[in-house]
N, C-alpha and C. Protein backbone atom coordinates (compact mmCIF):
# COMPACT_ATOMS: atom_id res chain seq x y z
N MET A 1 -0.32 2.35 22.96
CA MET A 1 -0.22 1.07 22.29
C MET A 1 -1.61 0.47 22.19
N LYS A 2 -2.15 0.49 20.98
CA LYS A 2 -3.52 0.08 20.79
C LYS A 2 -3.59 -1.01 19.71
N ILE A 3 -4.40 -2.02 19.96
CA ILE A 3 -4.65 -3.08 18.99
C ILE A 3 -6.15 -3.18 18.82
N ASP A 4 -6.61 -3.02 17.59
CA ASP A 4 -8.03 -3.17 17.29
C ASP A 4 -8.22 -4.34 16.34
N ILE A 5 -9.25 -5.13 16.61
CA ILE A 5 -9.65 -6.24 15.75
C ILE A 5 -10.95 -5.80 15.08
N ILE A 6 -10.93 -5.69 13.75
CA ILE A 6 -12.05 -5.11 13.03
C ILE A 6 -12.75 -6.17 12.19
N ASP A 7 -14.05 -6.31 12.38
CA ASP A 7 -14.91 -7.25 11.66
C ASP A 7 -14.47 -8.71 11.80
N PRO A 8 -14.16 -9.15 13.03
CA PRO A 8 -13.73 -10.54 13.17
C PRO A 8 -14.90 -11.51 13.02
N PRO A 9 -14.63 -12.72 12.50
CA PRO A 9 -15.67 -13.75 12.52
C PRO A 9 -15.95 -14.14 13.97
N ASP A 10 -17.07 -14.77 14.21
CA ASP A 10 -17.46 -15.15 15.57
C ASP A 10 -16.42 -16.01 16.28
N ARG A 11 -15.65 -16.75 15.52
CA ARG A 11 -14.71 -17.71 16.11
C ARG A 11 -13.39 -17.08 16.54
N VAL A 12 -13.23 -15.80 16.35
CA VAL A 12 -11.96 -15.14 16.68
C VAL A 12 -12.01 -14.62 18.11
N ASP A 13 -10.99 -14.99 18.86
CA ASP A 13 -10.87 -14.62 20.27
C ASP A 13 -9.99 -13.36 20.36
N ASP A 14 -10.63 -12.20 20.56
CA ASP A 14 -9.90 -10.93 20.61
C ASP A 14 -8.73 -10.92 21.59
N PRO A 15 -8.92 -11.35 22.85
CA PRO A 15 -7.78 -11.30 23.79
C PRO A 15 -6.60 -12.15 23.31
N ARG A 16 -6.87 -13.32 22.74
CA ARG A 16 -5.79 -14.18 22.23
C ARG A 16 -5.08 -13.50 21.07
N PHE A 17 -5.85 -12.87 20.20
CA PHE A 17 -5.27 -12.18 19.05
C PHE A 17 -4.39 -11.03 19.50
N LYS A 18 -4.88 -10.24 20.42
CA LYS A 18 -4.12 -9.09 20.91
C LYS A 18 -2.84 -9.55 21.61
N ALA A 19 -2.93 -10.63 22.37
CA ALA A 19 -1.75 -11.17 23.04
C ALA A 19 -0.72 -11.66 22.02
N CYS A 20 -1.19 -12.24 20.94
CA CYS A 20 -0.29 -12.70 19.88
C CYS A 20 0.46 -11.53 19.27
N VAL A 21 -0.24 -10.46 18.94
CA VAL A 21 0.40 -9.28 18.35
C VAL A 21 1.45 -8.73 19.32
N ARG A 22 1.09 -8.59 20.58
CA ARG A 22 2.03 -8.06 21.57
C ARG A 22 3.27 -8.96 21.70
N GLU A 23 3.04 -10.27 21.73
CA GLU A 23 4.15 -11.22 21.89
C GLU A 23 5.14 -11.14 20.74
N VAL A 24 4.65 -11.10 19.52
CA VAL A 24 5.55 -11.05 18.37
C VAL A 24 6.29 -9.71 18.32
N LEU A 25 5.58 -8.62 18.48
CA LEU A 25 6.25 -7.31 18.40
C LEU A 25 7.27 -7.12 19.52
N SER A 26 6.92 -7.55 20.73
CA SER A 26 7.90 -7.42 21.82
C SER A 26 9.05 -8.41 21.63
N GLY A 27 8.76 -9.59 21.09
CA GLY A 27 9.82 -10.57 20.83
C GLY A 27 10.80 -10.09 19.78
N GLU A 28 10.34 -9.24 18.89
CA GLU A 28 11.20 -8.65 17.86
C GLU A 28 11.73 -7.28 18.28
N HIS A 29 11.51 -6.94 19.55
CA HIS A 29 12.01 -5.69 20.14
C HIS A 29 11.49 -4.45 19.40
N LYS A 30 10.21 -4.50 19.07
CA LYS A 30 9.57 -3.38 18.37
C LYS A 30 8.57 -2.72 19.30
N THR A 31 8.48 -1.41 19.20
CA THR A 31 7.41 -0.68 19.87
C THR A 31 6.35 -0.36 18.83
N PHE A 32 5.14 -0.12 19.31
CA PHE A 32 4.08 0.20 18.36
C PHE A 32 3.12 1.21 18.94
N GLU A 33 2.60 2.02 18.06
CA GLU A 33 1.54 2.98 18.42
C GLU A 33 0.20 2.29 18.31
N TYR A 34 -0.01 1.63 17.16
CA TYR A 34 -1.25 0.87 16.97
C TYR A 34 -1.07 -0.17 15.89
N VAL A 35 -1.86 -1.21 16.01
CA VAL A 35 -1.98 -2.24 14.98
C VAL A 35 -3.47 -2.54 14.83
N ASN A 36 -3.95 -2.40 13.61
CA ASN A 36 -5.32 -2.78 13.29
C ASN A 36 -5.28 -4.12 12.56
N VAL A 37 -6.06 -5.07 13.05
CA VAL A 37 -6.21 -6.36 12.39
C VAL A 37 -7.60 -6.35 11.78
N ILE A 38 -7.64 -6.39 10.45
CA ILE A 38 -8.89 -6.17 9.73
C ILE A 38 -9.24 -7.41 8.92
N PHE A 39 -10.41 -7.97 9.21
CA PHE A 39 -10.89 -9.13 8.46
C PHE A 39 -11.69 -8.66 7.26
N MET A 40 -11.48 -9.33 6.15
CA MET A 40 -12.22 -8.99 4.94
C MET A 40 -12.44 -10.25 4.12
N SER A 41 -13.26 -10.13 3.10
CA SER A 41 -13.58 -11.29 2.27
C SER A 41 -12.36 -11.72 1.46
N ARG A 42 -12.40 -12.93 1.05
CA ARG A 42 -11.35 -13.52 0.22
C ARG A 42 -11.19 -12.71 -1.08
N ASP A 43 -12.32 -12.35 -1.69
CA ASP A 43 -12.27 -11.59 -2.95
C ASP A 43 -11.73 -10.18 -2.75
N ASP A 44 -12.12 -9.53 -1.66
CA ASP A 44 -11.61 -8.18 -1.40
C ASP A 44 -10.11 -8.18 -1.14
N LEU A 45 -9.63 -9.19 -0.43
CA LEU A 45 -8.19 -9.26 -0.18
C LEU A 45 -7.43 -9.55 -1.48
N ARG A 46 -8.03 -10.35 -2.34
CA ARG A 46 -7.42 -10.60 -3.65
C ARG A 46 -7.30 -9.29 -4.45
N LEU A 47 -8.33 -8.47 -4.41
CA LEU A 47 -8.28 -7.17 -5.10
C LEU A 47 -7.18 -6.28 -4.52
N MET A 48 -7.01 -6.30 -3.20
CA MET A 48 -5.92 -5.53 -2.58
C MET A 48 -4.56 -6.04 -3.04
N LYS A 49 -4.43 -7.35 -3.12
CA LYS A 49 -3.16 -7.94 -3.57
C LYS A 49 -2.84 -7.49 -4.99
N LYS A 50 -3.89 -7.45 -5.82
CA LYS A 50 -3.70 -7.02 -7.20
C LYS A 50 -3.35 -5.53 -7.26
N GLU A 51 -4.06 -4.72 -6.50
CA GLU A 51 -3.85 -3.27 -6.53
C GLU A 51 -2.48 -2.86 -5.99
N TYR A 52 -2.09 -3.43 -4.85
CA TYR A 52 -0.88 -2.97 -4.19
C TYR A 52 0.38 -3.76 -4.54
N PHE A 53 0.20 -5.01 -5.01
CA PHE A 53 1.36 -5.86 -5.28
C PHE A 53 1.40 -6.37 -6.72
N GLU A 54 0.40 -5.97 -7.51
CA GLU A 54 0.29 -6.35 -8.91
C GLU A 54 0.34 -7.86 -9.11
N LYS A 55 -0.31 -8.59 -8.18
CA LYS A 55 -0.42 -10.04 -8.27
C LYS A 55 -1.90 -10.39 -8.12
N ASP A 56 -2.44 -11.02 -9.13
CA ASP A 56 -3.86 -11.39 -9.12
C ASP A 56 -4.02 -12.80 -8.58
N VAL A 57 -3.84 -12.93 -7.26
CA VAL A 57 -3.93 -14.23 -6.59
C VAL A 57 -4.66 -14.07 -5.26
N TYR A 58 -5.25 -15.18 -4.81
CA TYR A 58 -5.83 -15.18 -3.47
C TYR A 58 -4.69 -15.23 -2.46
N THR A 59 -4.89 -14.57 -1.33
CA THR A 59 -3.91 -14.57 -0.26
C THR A 59 -4.65 -14.60 1.07
N ASP A 60 -3.93 -14.94 2.11
CA ASP A 60 -4.55 -14.98 3.43
C ASP A 60 -4.23 -13.76 4.27
N VAL A 61 -3.14 -13.06 3.94
CA VAL A 61 -2.72 -11.92 4.76
C VAL A 61 -1.96 -10.89 3.92
N ILE A 62 -2.21 -9.64 4.23
CA ILE A 62 -1.43 -8.53 3.70
C ILE A 62 -1.19 -7.59 4.88
N ALA A 63 0.05 -7.11 5.00
CA ALA A 63 0.38 -6.19 6.10
C ALA A 63 1.00 -4.92 5.54
N PHE A 64 0.63 -3.80 6.15
CA PHE A 64 1.17 -2.51 5.73
C PHE A 64 1.72 -1.77 6.94
N ASN A 65 2.97 -1.32 6.83
CA ASN A 65 3.53 -0.37 7.79
C ASN A 65 3.14 1.02 7.32
N LEU A 66 2.63 1.83 8.20
CA LEU A 66 2.25 3.19 7.85
C LEU A 66 3.19 4.21 8.47
N ASN A 67 4.30 3.72 9.01
CA ASN A 67 5.27 4.56 9.70
C ASN A 67 6.60 4.55 8.98
N ASP A 68 7.48 5.48 9.35
CA ASP A 68 8.85 5.46 8.87
C ASP A 68 9.59 4.33 9.59
N PRO A 69 10.63 3.77 8.96
CA PRO A 69 11.33 2.62 9.53
C PRO A 69 11.89 2.81 10.94
N ASP A 70 12.26 4.03 11.30
CA ASP A 70 12.87 4.27 12.62
C ASP A 70 11.84 4.68 13.68
N GLU A 71 10.56 4.63 13.35
CA GLU A 71 9.50 5.02 14.29
C GLU A 71 8.77 3.80 14.82
N SER A 72 8.02 4.01 15.89
CA SER A 72 7.15 2.95 16.41
C SER A 72 6.18 2.50 15.32
N ILE A 73 5.86 1.22 15.35
CA ILE A 73 5.00 0.65 14.32
C ILE A 73 3.60 1.23 14.39
N GLU A 74 3.12 1.64 13.26
CA GLU A 74 1.72 1.96 13.03
C GLU A 74 1.34 1.10 11.83
N GLY A 75 0.56 0.07 12.08
CA GLY A 75 0.35 -0.88 10.99
C GLY A 75 -1.05 -1.45 10.90
N GLU A 76 -1.28 -2.05 9.75
CA GLU A 76 -2.54 -2.72 9.49
C GLU A 76 -2.26 -4.10 8.91
N ILE A 77 -2.98 -5.08 9.44
CA ILE A 77 -2.89 -6.45 8.95
C ILE A 77 -4.27 -6.83 8.46
N TYR A 78 -4.36 -7.19 7.19
CA TYR A 78 -5.62 -7.59 6.57
C TYR A 78 -5.62 -9.11 6.43
N LEU A 79 -6.69 -9.74 6.91
CA LEU A 79 -6.81 -11.19 6.89
C LEU A 79 -8.08 -11.63 6.19
N SER A 80 -8.00 -12.76 5.49
CA SER A 80 -9.19 -13.41 4.94
C SER A 80 -9.41 -14.71 5.69
N TYR A 81 -10.44 -14.73 6.53
CA TYR A 81 -10.71 -15.93 7.32
C TYR A 81 -11.05 -17.11 6.42
N ASP A 82 -11.81 -16.87 5.35
CA ASP A 82 -12.16 -17.96 4.44
C ASP A 82 -10.92 -18.58 3.81
N GLN A 83 -9.98 -17.76 3.41
CA GLN A 83 -8.74 -18.28 2.82
C GLN A 83 -7.92 -19.03 3.87
N ILE A 84 -7.92 -18.53 5.09
CA ILE A 84 -7.18 -19.19 6.17
C ILE A 84 -7.78 -20.57 6.44
N VAL A 85 -9.10 -20.68 6.45
CA VAL A 85 -9.75 -21.98 6.65
C VAL A 85 -9.40 -22.93 5.50
N GLU A 86 -9.41 -22.40 4.28
CA GLU A 86 -9.05 -23.23 3.12
C GLU A 86 -7.60 -23.72 3.25
N ASN A 87 -6.71 -22.84 3.68
CA ASN A 87 -5.31 -23.23 3.89
C ASN A 87 -5.20 -24.30 4.97
N ALA A 88 -5.94 -24.12 6.04
CA ALA A 88 -5.91 -25.10 7.14
C ALA A 88 -6.32 -26.48 6.63
N ASN A 89 -7.34 -26.52 5.79
CA ASN A 89 -7.75 -27.80 5.21
C ASN A 89 -6.65 -28.38 4.34
N SER A 90 -6.00 -27.55 3.56
CA SER A 90 -4.91 -28.01 2.67
C SER A 90 -3.71 -28.51 3.47
N PHE A 91 -3.40 -27.84 4.59
CA PHE A 91 -2.24 -28.20 5.39
C PHE A 91 -2.58 -29.19 6.50
N ASN A 92 -3.86 -29.59 6.55
CA ASN A 92 -4.33 -30.55 7.55
C ASN A 92 -4.03 -30.07 8.98
N THR A 93 -4.40 -28.82 9.23
CA THR A 93 -4.22 -28.23 10.55
C THR A 93 -5.54 -27.61 11.00
N ARG A 94 -5.61 -27.26 12.27
CA ARG A 94 -6.83 -26.63 12.79
C ARG A 94 -6.92 -25.18 12.31
N PRO A 95 -8.11 -24.73 11.90
CA PRO A 95 -8.26 -23.33 11.48
C PRO A 95 -7.78 -22.34 12.54
N ALA A 96 -8.02 -22.62 13.82
CA ALA A 96 -7.59 -21.69 14.88
C ALA A 96 -6.07 -21.56 14.90
N ASP A 97 -5.36 -22.67 14.68
CA ASP A 97 -3.89 -22.63 14.65
C ASP A 97 -3.39 -21.90 13.41
N GLU A 98 -4.02 -22.15 12.27
CA GLU A 98 -3.62 -21.48 11.04
C GLU A 98 -3.86 -19.98 11.14
N LEU A 99 -4.94 -19.61 11.80
CA LEU A 99 -5.26 -18.20 12.00
C LEU A 99 -4.16 -17.50 12.80
N ILE A 100 -3.70 -18.14 13.87
CA ILE A 100 -2.63 -17.56 14.68
C ILE A 100 -1.33 -17.50 13.87
N ARG A 101 -1.04 -18.55 13.11
CA ARG A 101 0.18 -18.55 12.29
C ARG A 101 0.17 -17.39 11.29
N VAL A 102 -0.98 -17.18 10.65
CA VAL A 102 -1.07 -16.10 9.67
C VAL A 102 -0.97 -14.73 10.34
N LEU A 103 -1.53 -14.60 11.52
CA LEU A 103 -1.39 -13.35 12.26
C LEU A 103 0.08 -13.11 12.62
N ILE A 104 0.78 -14.15 13.06
CA ILE A 104 2.21 -14.04 13.34
C ILE A 104 2.94 -13.57 12.09
N HIS A 105 2.60 -14.18 10.96
CA HIS A 105 3.22 -13.82 9.69
C HIS A 105 3.02 -12.33 9.39
N GLY A 106 1.80 -11.85 9.57
CA GLY A 106 1.52 -10.43 9.35
C GLY A 106 2.32 -9.54 10.28
N CYS A 107 2.43 -9.95 11.54
CA CYS A 107 3.22 -9.17 12.50
C CYS A 107 4.69 -9.13 12.11
N LEU A 108 5.20 -10.25 11.62
CA LEU A 108 6.60 -10.28 11.18
C LEU A 108 6.83 -9.34 10.00
N HIS A 109 5.84 -9.25 9.11
CA HIS A 109 5.95 -8.27 8.02
C HIS A 109 6.01 -6.86 8.58
N LEU A 110 5.18 -6.57 9.60
CA LEU A 110 5.24 -5.24 10.21
C LEU A 110 6.60 -4.95 10.83
N CYS A 111 7.28 -6.01 11.26
CA CYS A 111 8.61 -5.86 11.86
C CYS A 111 9.71 -5.72 10.80
N GLY A 112 9.34 -5.83 9.53
CA GLY A 112 10.31 -5.62 8.47
C GLY A 112 10.76 -6.87 7.74
N TYR A 113 10.26 -8.03 8.13
CA TYR A 113 10.63 -9.27 7.44
C TYR A 113 9.92 -9.36 6.10
N GLU A 114 10.61 -9.93 5.14
CA GLU A 114 10.06 -10.14 3.80
C GLU A 114 10.09 -11.63 3.48
N ASP A 115 9.34 -12.01 2.45
CA ASP A 115 9.29 -13.42 2.07
C ASP A 115 9.26 -13.59 0.56
N ASP A 116 9.98 -12.71 -0.14
CA ASP A 116 9.93 -12.76 -1.60
C ASP A 116 11.01 -13.65 -2.23
N THR A 117 11.83 -14.29 -1.41
CA THR A 117 12.74 -15.33 -1.89
C THR A 117 12.55 -16.55 -1.00
N GLN A 118 13.01 -17.69 -1.46
CA GLN A 118 12.86 -18.90 -0.66
C GLN A 118 13.63 -18.82 0.65
N THR A 119 14.82 -18.22 0.62
CA THR A 119 15.62 -18.06 1.84
C THR A 119 14.88 -17.20 2.86
N LEU A 120 14.32 -16.08 2.42
CA LEU A 120 13.57 -15.20 3.33
C LEU A 120 12.30 -15.87 3.82
N LYS A 121 11.63 -16.60 2.94
CA LYS A 121 10.42 -17.33 3.32
C LYS A 121 10.75 -18.38 4.39
N ASP A 122 11.86 -19.09 4.21
CA ASP A 122 12.28 -20.08 5.21
C ASP A 122 12.58 -19.43 6.55
N GLN A 123 13.21 -18.25 6.51
CA GLN A 123 13.50 -17.52 7.75
C GLN A 123 12.19 -17.14 8.47
N MET A 124 11.22 -16.67 7.70
CA MET A 124 9.94 -16.29 8.32
C MET A 124 9.22 -17.52 8.87
N THR A 125 9.28 -18.63 8.15
CA THR A 125 8.63 -19.85 8.64
C THR A 125 9.27 -20.31 9.94
N ASP A 126 10.60 -20.23 10.03
CA ASP A 126 11.28 -20.59 11.28
C ASP A 126 10.80 -19.70 12.43
N LEU A 127 10.70 -18.40 12.17
CA LEU A 127 10.21 -17.48 13.21
C LEU A 127 8.75 -17.77 13.57
N GLU A 128 7.92 -18.04 12.57
CA GLU A 128 6.52 -18.40 12.83
C GLU A 128 6.46 -19.62 13.75
N ASN A 129 7.27 -20.63 13.46
CA ASN A 129 7.28 -21.84 14.29
C ASN A 129 7.71 -21.54 15.71
N GLN A 130 8.71 -20.68 15.87
CA GLN A 130 9.16 -20.31 17.21
C GLN A 130 8.05 -19.61 17.99
N TYR A 131 7.37 -18.67 17.33
CA TYR A 131 6.29 -17.95 18.01
C TYR A 131 5.08 -18.86 18.26
N MET A 132 4.79 -19.75 17.33
CA MET A 132 3.69 -20.71 17.56
C MET A 132 3.98 -21.53 18.82
N ASP A 133 5.21 -22.05 18.93
CA ASP A 133 5.59 -22.83 20.10
C ASP A 133 5.48 -21.99 21.38
N LYS A 134 5.98 -20.79 21.31
CA LYS A 134 5.97 -19.91 22.49
C LYS A 134 4.53 -19.58 22.90
N LEU A 135 3.69 -19.27 21.92
CA LEU A 135 2.29 -18.92 22.22
C LEU A 135 1.52 -20.12 22.76
N MET A 136 1.82 -21.30 22.28
CA MET A 136 1.16 -22.51 22.80
C MET A 136 1.58 -22.76 24.24
N ASP A 137 2.86 -22.49 24.54
CA ASP A 137 3.36 -22.64 25.91
C ASP A 137 2.70 -21.66 26.86
N LEU A 138 2.35 -20.47 26.34
CA LEU A 138 1.71 -19.46 27.19
C LEU A 138 0.24 -19.79 27.46
N ASP A 139 -0.30 -20.72 26.69
CA ASP A 139 -1.70 -21.13 26.84
C ASP A 139 -2.65 -19.94 26.83
N LEU A 140 -2.54 -19.16 25.79
CA LEU A 140 -3.39 -17.97 25.64
C LEU A 140 -4.82 -18.35 25.34
């Protein structure tokens, strides 16, 4: 079970990030072989969104499962720190909190959750809130 944080900005706390990934995956009763959390530019993530999802929009997170559904998770979560900071400003929240929320969101995608309808999006938001509360209680 390996978690790698690749190209993080200076403000990213690796142990907190790794604990977040473990907490969400174990909370969803998932095992994993590895999860790579990869930071990239806002423009590069937009290009990935266009290439893989045929949507030419900025996004803060994209997650890919590289395993079969019945196997341990082998996944990658791509994050744009600049987009996350912009979102934090829009939502009037701290960038550090928004960063954890987006990481939770990516982990939930690795667990099989989708957000392509409002009902599914609401379900994911409820789960994000539960994990945010739990992670704050753990004082990571």
